[in-house]
Amino acid sequence: MFQGGKVANTTLTNGTSSILSFGTEAFDRGGNFSSTTFTAPKDGVYLFVCTMRPNNFAVDRLVIQIFLNDSNVSGNATTNTGEIKAIAGHYPNVTATNLMDLSANDTLKFYGYQNSGSNQTVFESNLCVVRLGTSD
């Protein structure tokens, strides 16, 4: 089980996926998380919820992308992509939530993407990962 977050500006480079950092830990049972990477301690089904909030910028696309073992798995039939259109002056959360069947030592990383035309920041991000049980 892991839950952590960050309340500080994280730069999202325009038109590029930028890794999200979750430097403050509330729970890290087993020490399976570093500031950017969750490593599955054993085989099983894991539930994750990842959120981020833009720092007052307008954008056509604000996206959370999920990377499994350093490969982008977002936006397919079984792994959703969190995406919203952000309007300046509003502070909506974008969220990606899913179940994933992981093997021991698989890694999960979460990236933010935005296409406002210039580099922007998110000022809050949060990640929660829980192993629910075996896959059988």
C-alpha atoms as a PDB file:
ATOM      1  CA  MET A   1       0.000   0.000   0.000  1.00  0.00           C
ATOM      2  CA  PHE A   2       1.296   3.432  -0.907  1.00  0.00           C
ATOM      3  CA  GLN A   3      -0.176   6.911  -0.669  1.00  0.00           C
ATOM      4  CA  GLY A   4       1.736  10.095  -1.251  1.00  0.00           C
ATOM      5  CA  GLY A   5       1.731  13.405  -2.986  1.00  0.00           C
ATOM      6  CA  LYS A   6       3.389  16.695  -3.671  1.00  0.00           C
ATOM      7  CA  VAL A   7       2.235  20.251  -3.062  1.00  0.00           C
ATOM      8  CA  ALA A   8       4.813  22.251  -4.994  1.00  0.00           C
ATOM      9  CA  ASN A   9       5.171  23.253  -8.608  1.00  0.00           C
ATOM     10  CA  THR A  10       6.122  20.507 -11.041  1.00  0.00           C
ATOM     11  CA  THR A  11       6.974  21.719 -14.546  1.00  0.00           C
ATOM     12  CA  LEU A  12       5.165  20.107 -17.464  1.00  0.00           C
ATOM     13  CA  THR A  13       7.123  20.773 -20.637  1.00  0.00           C
ATOM     14  CA  ASN A  14       4.856  21.818 -23.512  1.00  0.00           C
ATOM     15  CA  GLY A  15       3.974  18.922 -25.829  1.00  0.00           C
ATOM     16  CA  THR A  16       6.133  16.424 -23.909  1.00  0.00           C
ATOM     17  CA  SER A  17       5.377  13.833 -21.259  1.00  0.00           C
ATOM     18  CA  SER A  18       6.919  14.900 -17.928  1.00  0.00           C
ATOM     19  CA  ILE A  19       7.285  12.495 -15.016  1.00  0.00           C
ATOM     20  CA  LEU A  20       5.222  13.301 -11.922  1.00  0.00           C
ATOM     21  CA  SER A  21       6.915  13.263  -8.539  1.00  0.00           C
ATOM     22  CA  PHE A  22       5.199  12.315  -5.267  1.00  0.00           C
ATOM     23  CA  GLY A  23       7.765  13.299  -2.667  1.00  0.00           C
ATOM     24  CA  THR A  24       5.629  13.245   0.494  1.00  0.00           C
ATOM     25  CA  GLU A  25       4.617   9.794   1.716  1.00  0.00           C
ATOM     26  CA  ALA A  26       1.643   9.139   4.008  1.00  0.00           C
ATOM     27  CA  PHE A  27       1.947   5.347   3.689  1.00  0.00           C
ATOM     28  CA  ASP A  28       4.616   3.175   2.096  1.00  0.00           C
ATOM     29  CA  ARG A  29       4.112  -0.299   3.510  1.00  0.00           C
ATOM     30  CA  GLY A  30       7.140  -2.340   2.476  1.00  0.00           C
ATOM     31  CA  GLY A  31       9.110   0.602   1.058  1.00  0.00           C
ATOM     32  CA  ASN A  32       7.985  -0.056  -2.538  1.00  0.00           C
ATOM     33  CA  PHE A  33       7.969   3.555  -3.691  1.00  0.00           C
ATOM     34  CA  SER A  34      10.610   6.123  -4.597  1.00  0.00           C
ATOM     35  CA  SER A  35       9.708   9.715  -5.536  1.00  0.00           C
ATOM     36  CA  THR A  36       8.606   8.734  -9.072  1.00  0.00           C
ATOM     37  CA  THR A  37       8.317   4.921  -9.204  1.00  0.00           C
ATOM     38  CA  PHE A  38       6.109   2.293  -7.573  1.00  0.00           C
ATOM     39  CA  THR A  39       7.568  -1.241  -7.693  1.00  0.00           C
ATOM     40  CA  ALA A  40       5.137  -4.119  -7.160  1.00  0.00           C
ATOM     41  CA  PRO A  41       6.380  -6.240  -4.247  1.00  0.00           C
ATOM     42  CA  LYS A  42       4.513  -9.356  -5.436  1.00  0.00           C
ATOM     43  CA  ASP A  43       2.163 -10.632  -8.117  1.00  0.00           C
ATOM     44  CA  GLY A  44      -1.403  -9.405  -7.852  1.00  0.00           C
ATOM     45  CA  VAL A  45      -4.122  -6.998  -8.825  1.00  0.00           C
ATOM     46  CA  TYR A  46      -3.370  -3.395  -7.880  1.00  0.00           C
ATOM     47  CA  LEU A  47      -5.706  -0.426  -7.744  1.00  0.00           C
ATOM     48  CA  PHE A  48      -4.231   3.003  -8.374  1.00  0.00           C
ATOM     49  CA  VAL A  49      -5.599   6.528  -8.340  1.00  0.00           C
ATOM     50  CA  CYS A  50      -3.399   9.349  -9.638  1.00  0.00           C
ATOM     51  CA  THR A  51      -4.455  13.021  -9.664  1.00  0.00           C
ATOM     52  CA  MET A  52      -2.901  16.380 -10.496  1.00  0.00           C
ATOM     53  CA  ARG A  53      -4.109  20.014 -10.487  1.00  0.00           C
ATOM     54  CA  PRO A  54      -3.011  22.667 -12.993  1.00  0.00           C
ATOM     55  CA  ASN A  55      -1.534  25.924 -11.746  1.00  0.00           C
ATOM     56  CA  ASN A  56      -3.984  28.350 -13.425  1.00  0.00           C
ATOM     57  CA  PHE A  57      -3.288  27.848 -17.135  1.00  0.00           C
ATOM     58  CA  ALA A  58      -5.541  27.224 -20.121  1.00  0.00           C
ATOM     59  CA  VAL A  59      -4.813  24.135 -22.193  1.00  0.00           C
ATOM     60  CA  ASP A  60      -6.510  21.973 -24.809  1.00  0.00           C
ATOM     61  CA  ARG A  61      -5.232  18.757 -23.239  1.00  0.00           C
ATOM     62  CA  LEU A  62      -4.094  18.006 -19.683  1.00  0.00           C
ATOM     63  CA  VAL A  63      -3.339  14.291 -19.428  1.00  0.00           C
ATOM     64  CA  ILE A  64      -2.070  11.724 -16.928  1.00  0.00           C
ATOM     65  CA  GLN A  65      -0.288   8.875 -18.680  1.00  0.00           C
ATOM     66  CA  ILE A  66       0.495   5.501 -17.083  1.00  0.00           C
ATOM     67  CA  PHE A  67       3.807   3.782 -17.787  1.00  0.00           C
ATOM     68  CA  LEU A  68       4.285   0.102 -16.948  1.00  0.00           C
ATOM     69  CA  ASN A  69       7.940  -0.986 -16.976  1.00  0.00           C
ATOM     70  CA  ASP A  70       8.796   2.277 -18.795  1.00  0.00           C
ATOM     71  CA  SER A  71       6.255   1.683 -21.618  1.00  0.00           C
ATOM     72  CA  ASN A  72       3.232   3.942 -22.037  1.00  0.00           C
ATOM     73  CA  VAL A  73       0.070   1.846 -21.558  1.00  0.00           C
ATOM     74  CA  SER A  74      -2.393   4.756 -21.400  1.00  0.00           C
ATOM     75  CA  GLY A  75      -5.464   4.992 -23.545  1.00  0.00           C
ATOM     76  CA  ASN A  76      -5.944   1.371 -24.477  1.00  0.00           C
ATOM     77  CA  ALA A  77      -9.017  -0.767 -23.839  1.00  0.00           C
ATOM     78  CA  THR A  78      -7.935  -1.748 -20.325  1.00  0.00           C
ATOM     79  CA  THR A  79      -5.866   1.198 -19.097  1.00  0.00           C
ATOM     80  CA  ASN A  80      -7.568   4.553 -19.147  1.00  0.00           C
ATOM     81  CA  THR A  81      -5.930   7.925 -19.562  1.00  0.00           C
ATOM     82  CA  GLY A  82      -6.968  10.761 -17.271  1.00  0.00           C
ATOM     83  CA  GLU A  83      -7.660  13.815 -19.424  1.00  0.00           C
ATOM     84  CA  ILE A  84      -9.425  17.171 -19.167  1.00  0.00           C
ATOM     85  CA  LYS A  85      -9.454  20.538 -20.890  1.00  0.00           C
ATOM     86  CA  ALA A  86      -8.345  23.151 -18.359  1.00  0.00           C
ATOM     87  CA  ILE A  87      -9.565  26.752 -18.403  1.00  0.00           C
ATOM     88  CA  ALA A  88      -7.440  29.537 -16.883  1.00  0.00           C
ATOM     89  CA  GLY A  89      -8.796  30.642 -13.533  1.00  0.00           C
ATOM     90  CA  HIS A  90     -10.129  27.159 -12.744  1.00  0.00           C
ATOM     91  CA  TYR A  91      -8.298  24.476 -10.798  1.00  0.00           C
ATOM     92  CA  PRO A  92      -9.846  21.140 -11.782  1.00  0.00           C
ATOM     93  CA  ASN A  93      -8.233  17.810 -10.913  1.00  0.00           C
ATOM     94  CA  VAL A  94      -7.392  15.392 -13.690  1.00  0.00           C
ATOM     95  CA  THR A  95      -7.545  11.785 -12.482  1.00  0.00           C
ATOM     96  CA  ALA A  96      -6.492   8.379 -13.812  1.00  0.00           C
ATOM     97  CA  THR A  97      -7.896   5.356 -11.940  1.00  0.00           C
ATOM     98  CA  ASN A  98      -7.481   1.726 -12.860  1.00  0.00           C
ATOM     99  CA  LEU A  99      -6.876  -1.887 -11.865  1.00  0.00           C
ATOM    100  CA  MET A 100      -3.720  -3.533 -13.167  1.00  0.00           C
ATOM    101  CA  ASP A 101      -2.529  -7.121 -12.948  1.00  0.00           C
ATOM    102  CA  LEU A 102       1.146  -6.725 -12.016  1.00  0.00           C
ATOM    103  CA  SER A 103       3.965  -9.188 -11.554  1.00  0.00           C
ATOM    104  CA  ALA A 104       6.546  -8.868  -8.787  1.00  0.00           C
ATOM    105  CA  ASN A 105       9.069  -6.119  -9.665  1.00  0.00           C
ATOM    106  CA  ASP A 106       6.856  -4.480 -12.315  1.00  0.00           C
ATOM    107  CA  THR A 107       7.132  -0.696 -12.091  1.00  0.00           C
ATOM    108  CA  LEU A 108       4.491   2.000 -12.452  1.00  0.00           C
ATOM    109  CA  LYS A 109       5.301   5.623 -13.287  1.00  0.00           C
ATOM    110  CA  PHE A 110       2.904   8.453 -14.001  1.00  0.00           C
ATOM    111  CA  TYR A 111       3.502  11.271 -16.461  1.00  0.00           C
ATOM    112  CA  GLY A 112       1.736  14.563 -17.068  1.00  0.00           C
ATOM    113  CA  TYR A 113       1.216  16.044 -20.519  1.00  0.00           C
ATOM    114  CA  GLN A 114      -0.045  19.472 -21.573  1.00  0.00           C
ATOM    115  CA  ASN A 115      -0.102  21.414 -24.848  1.00  0.00           C
ATOM    116  CA  SER A 116      -0.685  25.053 -23.905  1.00  0.00           C
ATOM    117  CA  GLY A 117       2.105  26.382 -26.140  1.00  0.00           C
ATOM    118  CA  SER A 118       4.603  26.950 -23.308  1.00  0.00           C
ATOM    119  CA  ASN A 119       5.900  25.156 -20.231  1.00  0.00           C
ATOM    120  CA  GLN A 120       3.400  25.147 -17.357  1.00  0.00           C
ATOM    121  CA  THR A 121       3.204  23.822 -13.807  1.00  0.00           C
ATOM    122  CA  VAL A 122       0.930  21.637 -11.751  1.00  0.00           C
ATOM    123  CA  PHE A 123       0.931  22.581  -8.092  1.00  0.00           C
ATOM    124  CA  GLU A 124      -0.556  19.462  -6.571  1.00  0.00           C
ATOM    125  CA  SER A 125      -0.294  15.752  -7.348  1.00  0.00           C
ATOM    126  CA  ASN A 126      -1.359  12.640  -5.482  1.00  0.00           C
ATOM    127  CA  LEU A 127      -0.908   8.906  -5.936  1.00  0.00           C
ATOM    128  CA  CYS A 128      -2.522   5.989  -4.124  1.00  0.00           C
ATOM    129  CA  VAL A 129      -1.661   2.341  -4.908  1.00  0.00           C
ATOM    130  CA  VAL A 130      -3.197  -0.664  -3.116  1.00  0.00           C
ATOM    131  CA  ARG A 131      -2.679  -4.384  -3.782  1.00  0.00           C
ATOM    132  CA  LEU A 132      -6.132  -5.938  -3.703  1.00  0.00           C
ATOM    133  CA  GLY A 133      -5.096  -9.587  -3.940  1.00  0.00           C
ATOM    134  CA  THR A 134      -4.093 -12.321  -6.336  1.00  0.00           C
ATOM    135  CA  SER A 135      -5.281 -12.451  -9.918  1.00  0.00           C
ATOM    136  CA  ASP A 136      -6.893 -15.874  -9.675  1.00  0.00           C
END
